C-alpha atoms as a PDB file:
ATOM      1  CA  MET A   1      11.766  61.312  82.920  1.00  0.00           C
ATOM      2  CA  THR A   2      13.564  57.969  82.910  1.00  0.00           C
ATOM      3  CA  ALA A   3      17.430  57.625  83.656  1.00  0.00           C
ATOM      4  CA  ALA A   4      17.972  56.417  80.144  1.00  0.00           C
ATOM      5  CA  ARG A   5      15.918  59.225  78.625  1.00  0.00           C
ATOM      6  CA  ARG A   6      17.986  61.897  80.788  1.00  0.00           C
ATOM      7  CA  ARG A   7      21.255  60.447  79.486  1.00  0.00           C
ATOM      8  CA  ASP A   8      20.197  60.239  75.955  1.00  0.00           C
ATOM      9  CA  LEU A   9      18.905  63.911  76.209  1.00  0.00           C
ATOM     10  CA  ALA A  10      22.187  64.944  77.870  1.00  0.00           C
ATOM     11  CA  GLY A  11      24.140  62.983  75.242  1.00  0.00           C
ATOM     12  CA  TRP A  12      22.093  64.800  72.318  1.00  0.00           C
ATOM     13  CA  VAL A  13      22.667  68.214  73.784  1.00  0.00           C
ATOM     14  CA  ALA A  14      26.408  67.551  74.254  1.00  0.00           C
ATOM     15  CA  GLY A  15      26.743  66.158  70.738  1.00  0.00           C
ATOM     16  CA  VAL A  16      25.368  69.315  69.120  1.00  0.00           C
ATOM     17  CA  LEU A  17      27.380  71.457  71.440  1.00  0.00           C
ATOM     18  CA  ALA A  18      30.534  69.568  70.506  1.00  0.00           C
ATOM     19  CA  LEU A  19      29.660  70.004  66.736  1.00  0.00           C
ATOM     20  CA  VAL A  20      28.850  73.681  66.997  1.00  0.00           C
ATOM     21  CA  THR A  21      31.986  74.229  69.102  1.00  0.00           C
ATOM     22  CA  THR A  22      34.183  72.669  66.811  1.00  0.00           C
ATOM     23  CA  ALA A  23      32.848  74.611  63.855  1.00  0.00           C
ATOM     24  CA  THR A  24      33.812  77.625  65.555  1.00  0.00           C
ATOM     25  CA  THR A  25      37.433  76.797  65.208  1.00  0.00           C
ATOM     26  CA  PHE A  26      37.145  77.103  61.587  1.00  0.00           C
ATOM     27  CA  LEU A  27      35.905  80.804  61.785  1.00  0.00           C
ATOM     28  CA  GLY A  28      38.110  83.730  62.061  1.00  0.00           C
ATOM     29  CA  TRP A  29      39.881  83.895  65.528  1.00  0.00           C
ATOM     30  CA  GLY A  30      42.602  86.600  65.258  1.00  0.00           C
ATOM     31  CA  ARG A  31      43.869  89.089  62.940  1.00  0.00           C
ATOM     32  CA  SER A  32      47.551  89.217  62.191  1.00  0.00           C
ATOM     33  CA  GLY A  33      48.488  92.151  59.916  1.00  0.00           C
ATOM     34  CA  GLN A  34      45.486  92.474  57.409  1.00  0.00           C
ATOM     35  CA  ARG A  35      44.482  88.827  57.610  1.00  0.00           C
ATOM     36  CA  THR A  36      42.106  87.265  59.796  1.00  0.00           C
ATOM     37  CA  ARG A  37      43.055  83.689  60.492  1.00  0.00           C
ATOM     38  CA  THR A  38      41.366  80.450  61.709  1.00  0.00           C
ATOM     39  CA  SER A  39      42.421  78.945  65.093  1.00  0.00           C
ATOM     40  CA  TYR A  40      44.172  76.383  62.975  1.00  0.00           C
ATOM     41  CA  GLU A  41      46.372  79.061  61.027  1.00  0.00           C
ATOM     42  CA  LEU A  42      47.113  80.766  64.263  1.00  0.00           C
ATOM     43  CA  VAL A  43      48.659  77.648  65.452  1.00  0.00           C
ATOM     44  CA  GLU A  44      50.483  77.107  62.360  1.00  0.00           C
ATOM     45  CA  VAL A  45      51.808  80.765  62.326  1.00  0.00           C
ATOM     46  CA  ALA A  46      52.786  80.587  66.031  1.00  0.00           C
ATOM     47  CA  GLY A  47      54.750  77.380  65.440  1.00  0.00           C
ATOM     48  CA  ARG A  48      56.650  78.865  62.515  1.00  0.00           C
ATOM     49  CA  ALA A  49      57.375  82.197  64.141  1.00  0.00           C
ATOM     50  CA  GLY A  50      58.546  80.420  67.418  1.00  0.00           C
ATOM     51  CA  VAL A  51      56.592  82.376  69.807  1.00  0.00           C
ATOM     52  CA  LEU A  52      55.433  79.468  71.917  1.00  0.00           C
ATOM     53  CA  ASP A  53      56.921  78.620  74.940  1.00  0.00           C
ATOM     54  CA  ASP A  54      58.888  75.381  74.753  1.00  0.00           C
ATOM     55  CA  ASP A  55      56.621  74.046  77.474  1.00  0.00           C
ATOM     56  CA  VAL A  56      53.509  74.354  75.109  1.00  0.00           C
ATOM     57  CA  ALA A  57      55.244  74.084  71.618  1.00  0.00           C
ATOM     58  CA  TRP A  58      55.168  70.369  71.527  1.00  0.00           C
ATOM     59  CA  ALA A  59      51.199  70.087  72.206  1.00  0.00           C
ATOM     60  CA  ALA A  60      50.639  72.661  69.491  1.00  0.00           C
ATOM     61  CA  PRO A  61      50.217  70.364  66.534  1.00  0.00           C
ATOM     62  CA  LEU A  62      47.726  68.411  68.604  1.00  0.00           C
ATOM     63  CA  TRP A  63      45.102  71.209  68.270  1.00  0.00           C
ATOM     64  CA  PHE A  64      44.881  70.012  64.730  1.00  0.00           C
ATOM     65  CA  LEU A  65      43.230  66.904  66.188  1.00  0.00           C
ATOM     66  CA  VAL A  66      40.069  68.918  67.497  1.00  0.00           C
ATOM     67  CA  PRO A  67      37.835  67.976  64.557  1.00  0.00           C
ATOM     68  CA  ALA A  68      38.989  64.270  65.063  1.00  0.00           C
ATOM     69  CA  VAL A  69      38.277  64.356  68.626  1.00  0.00           C
ATOM     70  CA  CYS A  70      34.782  65.797  67.930  1.00  0.00           C
ATOM     71  CA  GLY A  71      34.044  63.078  65.256  1.00  0.00           C
ATOM     72  CA  THR A  72      35.310  60.430  67.461  1.00  0.00           C
ATOM     73  CA  ALA A  73      32.986  61.684  70.279  1.00  0.00           C
ATOM     74  CA  LEU A  74      29.921  61.685  68.108  1.00  0.00           C
ATOM     75  CA  VAL A  75      30.601  58.145  66.677  1.00  0.00           C
ATOM     76  CA  VAL A  76      30.995  56.706  70.231  1.00  0.00           C
ATOM     77  CA  LEU A  77      28.137  58.613  71.476  1.00  0.00           C
ATOM     78  CA  ALA A  78      25.999  57.211  68.648  1.00  0.00           C
ATOM     79  CA  ALA A  79      27.449  53.444  69.841  1.00  0.00           C
ATOM     80  CA  HIS A  80      25.985  54.472  73.329  1.00  0.00           C
ATOM     81  CA  ARG A  81      29.401  54.554  74.971  1.00  0.00           C
ATOM     82  CA  HIS A  82      28.004  57.567  76.943  1.00  0.00           C
ATOM     83  CA  ALA A  83      30.845  57.557  79.574  1.00  0.00           C
ATOM     84  CA  ILE A  84      33.699  57.676  76.884  1.00  0.00           C
ATOM     85  CA  ALA A  85      31.570  60.192  74.702  1.00  0.00           C
ATOM     86  CA  GLY A  86      31.304  62.346  77.703  1.00  0.00           C
ATOM     87  CA  ALA A  87      34.972  62.287  78.511  1.00  0.00           C
ATOM     88  CA  LEU A  88      35.847  63.071  75.092  1.00  0.00           C
ATOM     89  CA  MET A  89      33.415  66.104  74.881  1.00  0.00           C
ATOM     90  CA  THR A  90      34.564  67.263  78.364  1.00  0.00           C
ATOM     91  CA  THR A  91      38.150  67.292  76.923  1.00  0.00           C
ATOM     92  CA  LEU A  92      37.309  68.969  73.713  1.00  0.00           C
ATOM     93  CA  GLY A  93      35.315  71.876  75.325  1.00  0.00           C
ATOM     94  CA  ALA A  94      37.897  72.552  78.001  1.00  0.00           C
ATOM     95  CA  LEU A  95      40.673  72.636  74.933  1.00  0.00           C
ATOM     96  CA  VAL A  96      38.518  74.800  72.720  1.00  0.00           C
ATOM     97  CA  GLY A  97      37.580  77.239  75.484  1.00  0.00           C
ATOM     98  CA  THR A  98      41.117  77.422  76.872  1.00  0.00           C
ATOM     99  CA  GLY A  99      42.570  77.963  73.295  1.00  0.00           C
ATOM    100  CA  ALA A 100      40.105  80.742  72.698  1.00  0.00           C
ATOM    101  CA  ILE A 101      41.017  82.426  75.981  1.00  0.00           C
ATOM    102  CA  LEU A 102      44.597  82.172  75.307  1.00  0.00           C
ATOM    103  CA  VAL A 103      43.965  84.043  71.780  1.00  0.00           C
ATOM    104  CA  ASP A 104      41.655  86.721  73.388  1.00  0.00           C
ATOM    105  CA  ARG A 105      44.563  87.274  75.873  1.00  0.00           C
ATOM    106  CA  SER A 106      47.276  87.457  73.340  1.00  0.00           C
ATOM    107  CA  PRO A 107      48.499  90.664  71.448  1.00  0.00           C
ATOM    108  CA  LEU A 108      46.479  89.697  68.544  1.00  0.00           C
ATOM    109  CA  VAL A 109      43.191  91.361  67.482  1.00  0.00           C
ATOM    110  CA  ALA A 110      40.783  89.037  68.593  1.00  0.00           C
ATOM    111  CA  GLU A 111      37.735  88.593  66.395  1.00  0.00           C
ATOM    112  CA  PRO A 112      34.172  87.997  67.801  1.00  0.00           C
ATOM    113  CA  ALA A 113      34.185  84.262  67.010  1.00  0.00           C
ATOM    114  CA  VAL A 114      36.679  83.847  70.092  1.00  0.00           C
ATOM    115  CA  GLY A 115      34.171  84.857  72.462  1.00  0.00           C
ATOM    116  CA  VAL A 116      31.635  82.480  70.817  1.00  0.00           C
ATOM    117  CA  ALA A 117      34.297  79.743  71.357  1.00  0.00           C
ATOM    118  CA  VAL A 118      34.908  80.439  74.808  1.00  0.00           C
ATOM    119  CA  GLY A 119      31.369  80.233  75.727  1.00  0.00           C
ATOM    120  CA  LEU A 120      30.595  77.150  73.614  1.00  0.00           C
ATOM    121  CA  GLY A 121      33.649  75.508  74.710  1.00  0.00           C
ATOM    122  CA  TRP A 122      32.841  75.604  78.373  1.00  0.00           C
ATOM    123  CA  ALA A 123      29.276  74.850  77.819  1.00  0.00           C
ATOM    124  CA  THR A 124      30.494  71.526  75.827  1.00  0.00           C
ATOM    125  CA  ALA A 125      32.746  70.791  78.727  1.00  0.00           C
ATOM    126  CA  LEU A 126      29.795  71.228  81.188  1.00  0.00           C
ATOM    127  CA  SER A 127      27.563  68.968  78.871  1.00  0.00           C
ATOM    128  CA  GLY A 128      30.044  66.505  78.626  1.00  0.00           C
ATOM    129  CA  VAL A 129      30.347  66.210  82.540  1.00  0.00           C
ATOM    130  CA  ALA A 130      26.510  65.786  82.430  1.00  0.00           C
ATOM    131  CA  VAL A 131      26.783  62.989  80.191  1.00  0.00           C
ATOM    132  CA  LEU A 132      29.459  61.392  82.327  1.00  0.00           C
ATOM    133  CA  VAL A 133      27.192  61.822  85.442  1.00  0.00           C
ATOM    134  CA  THR A 134      24.179  60.441  83.666  1.00  0.00           C
ATOM    135  CA  ALA A 135      26.072  57.415  82.262  1.00  0.00           C
ATOM    136  CA  ARG A 136      27.419  56.869  85.890  1.00  0.00           C
ATOM    137  CA  LYS A 137      23.951  56.915  87.098  1.00  0.00           C
ATOM    138  CA  GLU A 138      22.861  54.442  84.548  1.00  0.00           C
ATOM    139  CA  THR A 139      25.737  51.884  85.223  1.00  0.00           C
ATOM    140  CA  ALA A 140      25.504  52.237  89.170  1.00  0.00           C
ATOM    141  CA  GLY A 141      21.500  52.021  89.158  1.00  0.00           C
END
């Protein structure tokens, strides 16, 4: 398999994982009261309730950029800018994976989608690293 083919395959796998990972953020992640809430609703409720530490409260609104980061990564990948796409996908996966772990460890009743988001998030992060590595080999070789 050629280096370009490996790079394209890694990009394709990472792109699909990024898309599916982002889709999990729209599923029910936790239950508060009788209502199941998506990750976006949980961030909104946590911000209004003031339960976030000041150290992270400023970053909570950035969660709403997850779909934009995914879309940007896919557009950049389609433009064959693999290194940038790999960096975005690694960041996206780590962010979603970490966010899902935080919800799972919170007092909320975690929904099954949280476990899926943890696995997919870190798989996306690792596939983003693979895209970075194959892009680096392409430019170095």
